[in-house]
Amino acid sequence: SFVLSFSLDESCSFHRVSGTLLRYD
């Protein structure tokens, strides 16, 4: 399990979104 933070553009940012590693390609 993770928490992710990222910004897609100036008006679309996310902080501490939870996520789970499903697989490796």
mmCIF file of all heavy atoms, coordinates in Angstrom:
data_MODEL
# 
_entry.id   MODEL 
# 
loop_
_atom_site.group_PDB 
_atom_site.id 
_atom_site.type_symbol 
_atom_site.label_atom_id 
_atom_site.label_alt_id 
_atom_site.label_comp_id 
_atom_site.label_asym_id 
_atom_site.label_entity_id 
_atom_site.label_seq_id 
_atom_site.pdbx_PDB_ins_code 
_atom_site.Cartn_x 
_atom_site.Cartn_y 
_atom_site.Cartn_z 
_atom_site.occupancy 
_atom_site.B_iso_or_equiv 
_atom_site.pdbx_formal_charge 
_atom_site.auth_seq_id 
_atom_site.auth_comp_id 
_atom_site.auth_asym_id 
_atom_site.auth_atom_id 
_atom_site.pdbx_PDB_model_num 
ATOM 1   N N   . SER A 1 1  ? 0.842  -1.201 0.000   1.00 0.00 ? 1  SER A N   1 
ATOM 2   C CA  . SER A 1 1  ? 0.000  0.000  0.000   1.00 0.00 ? 1  SER A CA  1 
ATOM 3   C C   . SER A 1 1  ? 0.873  1.245  0.000   1.00 0.00 ? 1  SER A C   1 
ATOM 4   O O   . SER A 1 1  ? 1.930  1.270  0.626   1.00 0.00 ? 1  SER A O   1 
ATOM 5   C CB  . SER A 1 1  ? -0.898 0.013  1.229   1.00 0.00 ? 1  SER A CB  1 
ATOM 6   O OG  . SER A 1 1  ? -1.796 -1.064 1.182   1.00 0.00 ? 1  SER A OG  1 
ATOM 7   N N   . PHE A 1 2  ? 0.391  2.289  -0.689  1.00 0.00 ? 2  PHE A N   1 
ATOM 8   C CA  . PHE A 1 2  ? 1.126  3.534  -0.837  1.00 0.00 ? 2  PHE A CA  1 
ATOM 9   C C   . PHE A 1 2  ? 0.221  4.718  -0.588  1.00 0.00 ? 2  PHE A C   1 
ATOM 10  O O   . PHE A 1 2  ? -1.002 4.594  -0.632  1.00 0.00 ? 2  PHE A O   1 
ATOM 11  C CB  . PHE A 1 2  ? 1.631  3.701  -2.280  1.00 0.00 ? 2  PHE A CB  1 
ATOM 12  C CG  . PHE A 1 2  ? 2.533  2.633  -2.753  1.00 0.00 ? 2  PHE A CG  1 
ATOM 13  C CD1 . PHE A 1 2  ? 2.034  1.539  -3.427  1.00 0.00 ? 2  PHE A CD1 1 
ATOM 14  C CD2 . PHE A 1 2  ? 3.890  2.715  -2.541  1.00 0.00 ? 2  PHE A CD2 1 
ATOM 15  C CE1 . PHE A 1 2  ? 2.865  0.541  -3.881  1.00 0.00 ? 2  PHE A CE1 1 
ATOM 16  C CE2 . PHE A 1 2  ? 4.734  1.726  -2.986  1.00 0.00 ? 2  PHE A CE2 1 
ATOM 17  C CZ  . PHE A 1 2  ? 4.218  0.641  -3.656  1.00 0.00 ? 2  PHE A CZ  1 
ATOM 18  N N   . VAL A 1 3  ? 0.845  5.865  -0.415  1.00 0.00 ? 3  VAL A N   1 
ATOM 19  C CA  . VAL A 1 3  ? 0.156  7.137  -0.605  1.00 0.00 ? 3  VAL A CA  1 
ATOM 20  C C   . VAL A 1 3  ? 0.949  7.870  -1.672  1.00 0.00 ? 3  VAL A C   1 
ATOM 21  O O   . VAL A 1 3  ? 2.181  7.857  -1.686  1.00 0.00 ? 3  VAL A O   1 
ATOM 22  C CB  . VAL A 1 3  ? 0.004  7.974  0.692   1.00 0.00 ? 3  VAL A CB  1 
ATOM 23  C CG1 . VAL A 1 3  ? -1.023 7.350  1.606   1.00 0.00 ? 3  VAL A CG1 1 
ATOM 24  C CG2 . VAL A 1 3  ? 1.315  8.165  1.405   1.00 0.00 ? 3  VAL A CG2 1 
ATOM 25  N N   . LEU A 1 4  ? 0.228  8.459  -2.613  1.00 0.00 ? 4  LEU A N   1 
ATOM 26  C CA  . LEU A 1 4  ? 0.830  9.111  -3.763  1.00 0.00 ? 4  LEU A CA  1 
ATOM 27  C C   . LEU A 1 4  ? 0.458  10.579 -3.775  1.00 0.00 ? 4  LEU A C   1 
ATOM 28  O O   . LEU A 1 4  ? -0.670 10.943 -3.439  1.00 0.00 ? 4  LEU A O   1 
ATOM 29  C CB  . LEU A 1 4  ? 0.304  8.477  -5.057  1.00 0.00 ? 4  LEU A CB  1 
ATOM 30  C CG  . LEU A 1 4  ? 0.350  6.961  -5.164  1.00 0.00 ? 4  LEU A CG  1 
ATOM 31  C CD1 . LEU A 1 4  ? -0.427 6.491  -6.377  1.00 0.00 ? 4  LEU A CD1 1 
ATOM 32  C CD2 . LEU A 1 4  ? 1.785  6.490  -5.239  1.00 0.00 ? 4  LEU A CD2 1 
ATOM 33  N N   . SER A 1 5  ? 1.390  11.407 -4.190  1.00 0.00 ? 5  SER A N   1 
ATOM 34  C CA  . SER A 1 5  ? 1.127  12.832 -4.391  1.00 0.00 ? 5  SER A CA  1 
ATOM 35  C C   . SER A 1 5  ? 1.666  13.214 -5.757  1.00 0.00 ? 5  SER A C   1 
ATOM 36  O O   . SER A 1 5  ? 2.796  12.860 -6.105  1.00 0.00 ? 5  SER A O   1 
ATOM 37  C CB  . SER A 1 5  ? 1.803  13.668 -3.303  1.00 0.00 ? 5  SER A CB  1 
ATOM 38  O OG  . SER A 1 5  ? 1.287  13.340 -2.033  1.00 0.00 ? 5  SER A OG  1 
ATOM 39  N N   . PHE A 1 6  ? 0.844  13.940 -6.546  1.00 0.00 ? 6  PHE A N   1 
ATOM 40  C CA  . PHE A 1 6  ? 1.268  14.334 -7.889  1.00 0.00 ? 6  PHE A CA  1 
ATOM 41  C C   . PHE A 1 6  ? 0.403  15.473 -8.389  1.00 0.00 ? 6  PHE A C   1 
ATOM 42  O O   . PHE A 1 6  ? -0.680 15.731 -7.885  1.00 0.00 ? 6  PHE A O   1 
ATOM 43  C CB  . PHE A 1 6  ? 1.211  13.146 -8.858  1.00 0.00 ? 6  PHE A CB  1 
ATOM 44  C CG  . PHE A 1 6  ? -0.111 12.443 -8.912  1.00 0.00 ? 6  PHE A CG  1 
ATOM 45  C CD1 . PHE A 1 6  ? -1.047 12.763 -9.879  1.00 0.00 ? 6  PHE A CD1 1 
ATOM 46  C CD2 . PHE A 1 6  ? -0.418 11.447 -8.001  1.00 0.00 ? 6  PHE A CD2 1 
ATOM 47  C CE1 . PHE A 1 6  ? -2.260 12.104 -9.945  1.00 0.00 ? 6  PHE A CE1 1 
ATOM 48  C CE2 . PHE A 1 6  ? -1.636 10.777 -8.051  1.00 0.00 ? 6  PHE A CE2 1 
ATOM 49  C CZ  . PHE A 1 6  ? -2.562 11.109 -9.021  1.00 0.00 ? 6  PHE A CZ  1 
ATOM 50  N N   . SER A 1 7  ? 0.926  16.176 -9.398  1.00 0.00 ? 7  SER A N   1 
ATOM 51  C CA  . SER A 1 7  ? 0.210  17.287 -10.005 1.00 0.00 ? 7  SER A CA  1 
ATOM 52  C C   . SER A 1 7  ? 0.139  17.048 -11.506 1.00 0.00 ? 7  SER A C   1 
ATOM 53  O O   . SER A 1 7  ? 1.170  16.919 -12.164 1.00 0.00 ? 7  SER A O   1 
ATOM 54  C CB  . SER A 1 7  ? 0.944  18.593 -9.707  1.00 0.00 ? 7  SER A CB  1 
ATOM 55  O OG  . SER A 1 7  ? 0.283  19.673 -10.295 1.00 0.00 ? 7  SER A OG  1 
ATOM 56  N N   . LEU A 1 8  ? -1.083 16.983 -12.043 1.00 0.00 ? 8  LEU A N   1 
ATOM 57  C CA  . LEU A 1 8  ? -1.274 16.741 -13.469 1.00 0.00 ? 8  LEU A CA  1 
ATOM 58  C C   . LEU A 1 8  ? -1.170 18.016 -14.287 1.00 0.00 ? 8  LEU A C   1 
ATOM 59  O O   . LEU A 1 8  ? -0.739 17.995 -15.423 1.00 0.00 ? 8  LEU A O   1 
ATOM 60  C CB  . LEU A 1 8  ? -2.620 16.063 -13.712 1.00 0.00 ? 8  LEU A CB  1 
ATOM 61  C CG  . LEU A 1 8  ? -2.752 14.684 -13.048 1.00 0.00 ? 8  LEU A CG  1 
ATOM 62  C CD1 . LEU A 1 8  ? -4.174 14.171 -13.166 1.00 0.00 ? 8  LEU A CD1 1 
ATOM 63  C CD2 . LEU A 1 8  ? -1.761 13.712 -13.662 1.00 0.00 ? 8  LEU A CD2 1 
ATOM 64  N N   . ASP A 1 9  ? -1.596 19.129 -13.711 1.00 0.00 ? 9  ASP A N   1 
ATOM 65  C CA  . ASP A 1 9  ? -1.433 20.444 -14.312 1.00 0.00 ? 9  ASP A CA  1 
ATOM 66  C C   . ASP A 1 9  ? -1.619 21.482 -13.211 1.00 0.00 ? 9  ASP A C   1 
ATOM 67  O O   . ASP A 1 9  ? -1.718 21.131 -12.036 1.00 0.00 ? 9  ASP A O   1 
ATOM 68  C CB  . ASP A 1 9  ? -2.373 20.671 -15.504 1.00 0.00 ? 9  ASP A CB  1 
ATOM 69  C CG  . ASP A 1 9  ? -3.852 20.639 -15.159 1.00 0.00 ? 9  ASP A CG  1 
ATOM 70  O OD1 . ASP A 1 9  ? -4.213 20.863 -13.986 1.00 0.00 ? 9  ASP A OD1 1 
ATOM 71  O OD2 . ASP A 1 9  ? -4.663 20.409 -16.064 1.00 0.00 ? 9  ASP A OD2 1 
ATOM 72  N N   . GLU A 1 10 ? -1.672 22.756 -13.586 1.00 0.00 ? 10 GLU A N   1 
ATOM 73  C CA  . GLU A 1 10 ? -1.735 23.828 -12.586 1.00 0.00 ? 10 GLU A CA  1 
ATOM 74  C C   . GLU A 1 10 ? -2.989 23.753 -11.709 1.00 0.00 ? 10 GLU A C   1 
ATOM 75  O O   . GLU A 1 10 ? -2.984 24.184 -10.566 1.00 0.00 ? 10 GLU A O   1 
ATOM 76  C CB  . GLU A 1 10 ? -1.700 25.215 -13.254 1.00 0.00 ? 10 GLU A CB  1 
ATOM 77  C CG  . GLU A 1 10 ? -0.445 25.500 -14.045 1.00 0.00 ? 10 GLU A CG  1 
ATOM 78  C CD  . GLU A 1 10 ? -0.489 24.875 -15.445 1.00 0.00 ? 10 GLU A CD  1 
ATOM 79  O OE1 . GLU A 1 10 ? -1.587 24.734 -16.032 1.00 0.00 ? 10 GLU A OE1 1 
ATOM 80  O OE2 . GLU A 1 10 ? 0.584  24.506 -15.938 1.00 0.00 ? 10 GLU A OE2 1 
ATOM 81  N N   . SER A 1 11 ? -4.066 23.192 -12.239 1.00 0.00 ? 11 SER A N   1 
ATOM 82  C CA  . SER A 1 11 ? -5.322 23.175 -11.486 1.00 0.00 ? 11 SER A CA  1 
ATOM 83  C C   . SER A 1 11 ? -5.743 21.789 -11.007 1.00 0.00 ? 11 SER A C   1 
ATOM 84  O O   . SER A 1 11 ? -6.828 21.627 -10.469 1.00 0.00 ? 11 SER A O   1 
ATOM 85  C CB  . SER A 1 11 ? -6.443 23.776 -12.349 1.00 0.00 ? 11 SER A CB  1 
ATOM 86  O OG  . SER A 1 11 ? -6.638 22.972 -13.497 1.00 0.00 ? 11 SER A OG  1 
ATOM 87  N N   . CYS A 1 12 ? -4.897 20.790 -11.197 1.00 0.00 ? 12 CYS A N   1 
ATOM 88  C CA  . CYS A 1 12 ? -5.274 19.417 -10.853 1.00 0.00 ? 12 CYS A CA  1 
ATOM 89  C C   . CYS A 1 12 ? -4.130 18.723 -10.120 1.00 0.00 ? 12 CYS A C   1 
ATOM 90  O O   . CYS A 1 12 ? -3.255 18.127 -10.739 1.00 0.00 ? 12 CYS A O   1 
ATOM 91  C CB  . CYS A 1 12 ? -5.644 18.658 -12.129 1.00 0.00 ? 12 CYS A CB  1 
ATOM 92  S SG  . CYS A 1 12 ? -6.413 17.067 -11.849 1.00 0.00 ? 12 CYS A SG  1 
ATOM 93  N N   . SER A 1 13 ? -4.145 18.843 -8.781  1.00 0.00 ? 13 SER A N   1 
ATOM 94  C CA  . SER A 1 13 ? -3.110 18.237 -7.941  1.00 0.00 ? 13 SER A CA  1 
ATOM 95  C C   . SER A 1 13 ? -3.750 17.311 -6.918  1.00 0.00 ? 13 SER A C   1 
ATOM 96  O O   . SER A 1 13 ? -4.868 17.548 -6.466  1.00 0.00 ? 13 SER A O   1 
ATOM 97  C CB  . SER A 1 13 ? -2.326 19.317 -7.199  1.00 0.00 ? 13 SER A CB  1 
ATOM 98  O OG  . SER A 1 13 ? -1.608 20.102 -8.096  1.00 0.00 ? 13 SER A OG  1 
ATOM 99  N N   . PHE A 1 14 ? -3.014 16.283 -6.540  1.00 0.00 ? 14 PHE A N   1 
ATOM 100 C CA  . PHE A 1 14 ? -3.506 15.311 -5.574  1.00 0.00 ? 14 PHE A CA  1 
ATOM 101 C C   . PHE A 1 14 ? -2.434 15.072 -4.522  1.00 0.00 ? 14 PHE A C   1 
ATOM 102 O O   . PHE A 1 14 ? -1.261 14.924 -4.852  1.00 0.00 ? 14 PHE A O   1 
ATOM 103 C CB  . PHE A 1 14 ? -3.865 14.000 -6.275  1.00 0.00 ? 14 PHE A CB  1 
ATOM 104 C CG  . PHE A 1 14 ? -4.884 14.203 -7.360  1.00 0.00 ? 14 PHE A CG  1 
ATOM 105 C CD1 . PHE A 1 14 ? -4.496 14.329 -8.676  1.00 0.00 ? 14 PHE A CD1 1 
ATOM 106 C CD2 . PHE A 1 14 ? -6.221 14.305 -7.048  1.00 0.00 ? 14 PHE A CD2 1 
ATOM 107 C CE1 . PHE A 1 14 ? -5.422 14.540 -9.674  1.00 0.00 ? 14 PHE A CE1 1 
ATOM 108 C CE2 . PHE A 1 14 ? -7.163 14.521 -8.037  1.00 0.00 ? 14 PHE A CE2 1 
ATOM 109 C CZ  . PHE A 1 14 ? -6.767 14.632 -9.345  1.00 0.00 ? 14 PHE A CZ  1 
ATOM 110 N N   . HIS A 1 15 ? -2.860 14.998 -3.273  1.00 0.00 ? 15 HIS A N   1 
ATOM 111 C CA  . HIS A 1 15 ? -1.923 14.814 -2.161  1.00 0.00 ? 15 HIS A CA  1 
ATOM 112 C C   . HIS A 1 15 ? -2.391 13.659 -1.288  1.00 0.00 ? 15 HIS A C   1 
ATOM 113 O O   . HIS A 1 15 ? -3.543 13.636 -0.858  1.00 0.00 ? 15 HIS A O   1 
ATOM 114 C CB  . HIS A 1 15 ? -1.805 16.093 -1.341  1.00 0.00 ? 15 HIS A CB  1 
ATOM 115 C CG  . HIS A 1 15 ? -1.376 17.260 -2.162  1.00 0.00 ? 15 HIS A CG  1 
ATOM 116 N ND1 . HIS A 1 15 ? -0.078 17.423 -2.579  1.00 0.00 ? 15 HIS A ND1 1 
ATOM 117 C CD2 . HIS A 1 15 ? -2.077 18.280 -2.705  1.00 0.00 ? 15 HIS A CD2 1 
ATOM 118 C CE1 . HIS A 1 15 ? 0.000  18.515 -3.321  1.00 0.00 ? 15 HIS A CE1 1 
ATOM 119 N NE2 . HIS A 1 15 ? -1.198 19.039 -3.411  1.00 0.00 ? 15 HIS A NE2 1 
ATOM 120 N N   . ARG A 1 16 ? -1.507 12.674 -1.131  1.00 0.00 ? 16 ARG A N   1 
ATOM 121 C CA  . ARG A 1 16 ? -1.734 11.527 -0.256  1.00 0.00 ? 16 ARG A CA  1 
ATOM 122 C C   . ARG A 1 16 ? -2.938 10.688 -0.678  1.00 0.00 ? 16 ARG A C   1 
ATOM 123 O O   . ARG A 1 16 ? -3.794 10.337 0.119   1.00 0.00 ? 16 ARG A O   1 
ATOM 124 C CB  . ARG A 1 16 ? -1.803 11.959 1.198   1.00 0.00 ? 16 ARG A CB  1 
ATOM 125 C CG  . ARG A 1 16 ? -0.516 12.677 1.633   1.00 0.00 ? 16 ARG A CG  1 
ATOM 126 C CD  . ARG A 1 16 ? -0.357 12.830 3.110   1.00 0.00 ? 16 ARG A CD  1 
ATOM 127 N NE  . ARG A 1 16 ? -0.382 11.601 3.862   1.00 0.00 ? 16 ARG A NE  1 
ATOM 128 C CZ  . ARG A 1 16 ? 0.616  10.719 3.980   1.00 0.00 ? 16 ARG A CZ  1 
ATOM 129 N NH1 . ARG A 1 16 ? 1.760  10.933 3.358   1.00 0.00 ? 16 ARG A NH1 1 
ATOM 130 N NH2 . ARG A 1 16 ? 0.494  9.635  4.698   1.00 0.00 ? 16 ARG A NH2 1 
ATOM 131 N N   . VAL A 1 17 ? -2.972 10.352 -1.961  1.00 0.00 ? 17 VAL A N   1 
ATOM 132 C CA  . VAL A 1 17 ? -3.993 9.447  -2.500  1.00 0.00 ? 17 VAL A CA  1 
ATOM 133 C C   . VAL A 1 17 ? -3.539 8.021  -2.212  1.00 0.00 ? 17 VAL A C   1 
ATOM 134 O O   . VAL A 1 17 ? -2.402 7.653  -2.505  1.00 0.00 ? 17 VAL A O   1 
ATOM 135 C CB  . VAL A 1 17 ? -4.152 9.647  -4.022  1.00 0.00 ? 17 VAL A CB  1 
ATOM 136 C CG1 . VAL A 1 17 ? -5.100 8.627  -4.612  1.00 0.00 ? 17 VAL A CG1 1 
ATOM 137 C CG2 . VAL A 1 17 ? -4.598 11.060 -4.330  1.00 0.00 ? 17 VAL A CG2 1 
ATOM 138 N N   . SER A 1 18 ? -4.416 7.198  -1.655  1.00 0.00 ? 18 SER A N   1 
ATOM 139 C CA  . SER A 1 18 ? -4.025 5.822  -1.354  1.00 0.00 ? 18 SER A CA  1 
ATOM 140 C C   . SER A 1 18 ? -4.028 4.978  -2.624  1.00 0.00 ? 18 SER A C   1 
ATOM 141 O O   . SER A 1 18 ? -4.755 5.261  -3.580  1.00 0.00 ? 18 SER A O   1 
ATOM 142 C CB  . SER A 1 18 ? -4.971 5.216  -0.314  1.00 0.00 ? 18 SER A CB  1 
ATOM 143 O OG  . SER A 1 18 ? -6.270 5.082  -0.837  1.00 0.00 ? 18 SER A OG  1 
ATOM 144 N N   . GLY A 1 19 ? -3.172 3.970  -2.627  1.00 0.00 ? 19 GLY A N   1 
ATOM 145 C CA  . GLY A 1 19 ? -3.073 3.075  -3.764  1.00 0.00 ? 19 GLY A CA  1 
ATOM 146 C C   . GLY A 1 19 ? -2.456 1.749  -3.358  1.00 0.00 ? 19 GLY A C   1 
ATOM 147 O O   . GLY A 1 19 ? -1.800 1.653  -2.322  1.00 0.00 ? 19 GLY A O   1 
ATOM 148 N N   . THR A 1 20 ? -2.669 0.729  -4.197  1.00 0.00 ? 20 THR A N   1 
ATOM 149 C CA  . THR A 1 20 ? -2.135 -0.610 -3.955  1.00 0.00 ? 20 THR A CA  1 
ATOM 150 C C   . THR A 1 20 ? -1.434 -1.094 -5.210  1.00 0.00 ? 20 THR A C   1 
ATOM 151 O O   . THR A 1 20 ? -1.979 -0.983 -6.316  1.00 0.00 ? 20 THR A O   1 
ATOM 152 C CB  . THR A 1 20 ? -3.279 -1.590 -3.607  1.00 0.00 ? 20 THR A CB  1 
ATOM 153 O OG1 . THR A 1 20 ? -3.975 -1.092 -2.464  1.00 0.00 ? 20 THR A OG1 1 
ATOM 154 C CG2 . THR A 1 20 ? -2.738 -2.974 -3.303  1.00 0.00 ? 20 THR A CG2 1 
ATOM 155 N N   . LEU A 1 21 ? -0.237 -1.643 -5.047  1.00 0.00 ? 21 LEU A N   1 
ATOM 156 C CA  . LEU A 1 21 ? 0.521  -2.181 -6.173  1.00 0.00 ? 21 LEU A CA  1 
ATOM 157 C C   . LEU A 1 21 ? -0.141 -3.465 -6.669  1.00 0.00 ? 21 LEU A C   1 
ATOM 158 O O   . LEU A 1 21 ? -0.265 -4.432 -5.928  1.00 0.00 ? 21 LEU A O   1 
ATOM 159 C CB  . LEU A 1 21 ? 1.969  -2.454 -5.761  1.00 0.00 ? 21 LEU A CB  1 
ATOM 160 C CG  . LEU A 1 21 ? 2.876  -3.082 -6.807  1.00 0.00 ? 21 LEU A CG  1 
ATOM 161 C CD1 . LEU A 1 21 ? 2.956  -2.213 -8.055  1.00 0.00 ? 21 LEU A CD1 1 
ATOM 162 C CD2 . LEU A 1 21 ? 4.252  -3.323 -6.233  1.00 0.00 ? 21 LEU A CD2 1 
ATOM 163 N N   . LEU A 1 22 ? -0.610 -3.438 -7.929  1.00 0.00 ? 22 LEU A N   1 
ATOM 164 C CA  . LEU A 1 22 ? -1.286 -4.601 -8.516  1.00 0.00 ? 22 LEU A CA  1 
ATOM 165 C C   . LEU A 1 22 ? -0.329 -5.548 -9.215  1.00 0.00 ? 22 LEU A C   1 
ATOM 166 O O   . LEU A 1 22 ? -0.428 -6.760 -9.088  1.00 0.00 ? 22 LEU A O   1 
ATOM 167 C CB  . LEU A 1 22 ? -2.322 -4.155 -9.546  1.00 0.00 ? 22 LEU A CB  1 
ATOM 168 C CG  . LEU A 1 22 ? -3.551 -3.443 -9.046  1.00 0.00 ? 22 LEU A CG  1 
ATOM 169 C CD1 . LEU A 1 22 ? -4.467 -3.099 -10.211 1.00 0.00 ? 22 LEU A CD1 1 
ATOM 170 C CD2 . LEU A 1 22 ? -4.283 -4.302 -8.040  1.00 0.00 ? 22 LEU A CD2 1 
ATOM 171 N N   . ARG A 1 23 ? 0.573  -4.986 -10.020 1.00 0.00 ? 23 ARG A N   1 
ATOM 172 C CA  . ARG A 1 23 ? 1.453  -5.843 -10.822 1.00 0.00 ? 23 ARG A CA  1 
ATOM 173 C C   . ARG A 1 23 ? 2.605  -5.019 -11.403 1.00 0.00 ? 23 ARG A C   1 
ATOM 174 O O   . ARG A 1 23 ? 2.541  -3.805 -11.469 1.00 0.00 ? 23 ARG A O   1 
ATOM 175 C CB  . ARG A 1 23 ? 0.685  -6.502 -11.958 1.00 0.00 ? 23 ARG A CB  1 
ATOM 176 C CG  . ARG A 1 23 ? 0.188  -5.533 -13.007 1.00 0.00 ? 23 ARG A CG  1 
ATOM 177 C CD  . ARG A 1 23 ? -0.658 -6.215 -14.080 1.00 0.00 ? 23 ARG A CD  1 
ATOM 178 N NE  . ARG A 1 23 ? -1.437 -5.236 -14.804 1.00 0.00 ? 23 ARG A NE  1 
ATOM 179 C CZ  . ARG A 1 23 ? -2.602 -4.755 -14.421 1.00 0.00 ? 23 ARG A CZ  1 
ATOM 180 N NH1 . ARG A 1 23 ? -3.142 -5.168 -13.300 1.00 0.00 ? 23 ARG A NH1 1 
ATOM 181 N NH2 . ARG A 1 23 ? -3.240 -3.863 -15.141 1.00 0.00 ? 23 ARG A NH2 1 
ATOM 182 N N   . TYR A 1 24 ? 3.610  -5.754 -11.834 1.00 0.00 ? 24 TYR A N   1 
ATOM 183 C CA  . TYR A 1 24 ? 4.711  -5.179 -12.599 1.00 0.00 ? 24 TYR A CA  1 
ATOM 184 C C   . TYR A 1 24 ? 4.561  -5.608 -14.050 1.00 0.00 ? 24 TYR A C   1 
ATOM 185 O O   . TYR A 1 24 ? 4.203  -6.745 -14.326 1.00 0.00 ? 24 TYR A O   1 
ATOM 186 C CB  . TYR A 1 24 ? 6.063  -5.683 -12.088 1.00 0.00 ? 24 TYR A CB  1 
ATOM 187 C CG  . TYR A 1 24 ? 6.504  -5.080 -10.785 1.00 0.00 ? 24 TYR A CG  1 
ATOM 188 C CD1 . TYR A 1 24 ? 6.422  -5.800 -9.604  1.00 0.00 ? 24 TYR A CD1 1 
ATOM 189 C CD2 . TYR A 1 24 ? 6.997  -3.784 -10.731 1.00 0.00 ? 24 TYR A CD2 1 
ATOM 190 C CE1 . TYR A 1 24 ? 6.830  -5.257 -8.407  1.00 0.00 ? 24 TYR A CE1 1 
ATOM 191 C CE2 . TYR A 1 24 ? 7.411  -3.217 -9.532  1.00 0.00 ? 24 TYR A CE2 1 
ATOM 192 C CZ  . TYR A 1 24 ? 7.323  -3.968 -8.377  1.00 0.00 ? 24 TYR A CZ  1 
ATOM 193 O OH  . TYR A 1 24 ? 7.722  -3.412 -7.192  1.00 0.00 ? 24 TYR A OH  1 
ATOM 194 N N   . ASP A 1 25 ? 4.836  -4.716 -14.964 1.00 0.00 ? 25 ASP A N   1 
ATOM 195 C CA  . ASP A 1 25 ? 4.887  -5.043 -16.378 1.00 0.00 ? 25 ASP A CA  1 
ATOM 196 C C   . ASP A 1 25 ? 6.359  -5.215 -16.718 1.00 0.00 ? 25 ASP A C   1 
ATOM 197 O O   . ASP A 1 25 ? 7.093  -4.237 -16.851 1.00 0.00 ? 25 ASP A O   1 
ATOM 198 C CB  . ASP A 1 25 ? 4.254  -3.926 -17.212 1.00 0.00 ? 25 ASP A CB  1 
ATOM 199 C CG  . ASP A 1 25 ? 4.254  -4.230 -18.704 1.00 0.00 ? 25 ASP A CG  1 
ATOM 200 O OD1 . ASP A 1 25 ? 5.066  -5.074 -19.151 1.00 0.00 ? 25 ASP A OD1 1 
ATOM 201 O OD2 . ASP A 1 25 ? 3.452  -3.613 -19.412 1.00 0.00 ? 25 ASP A OD2 1 
# 
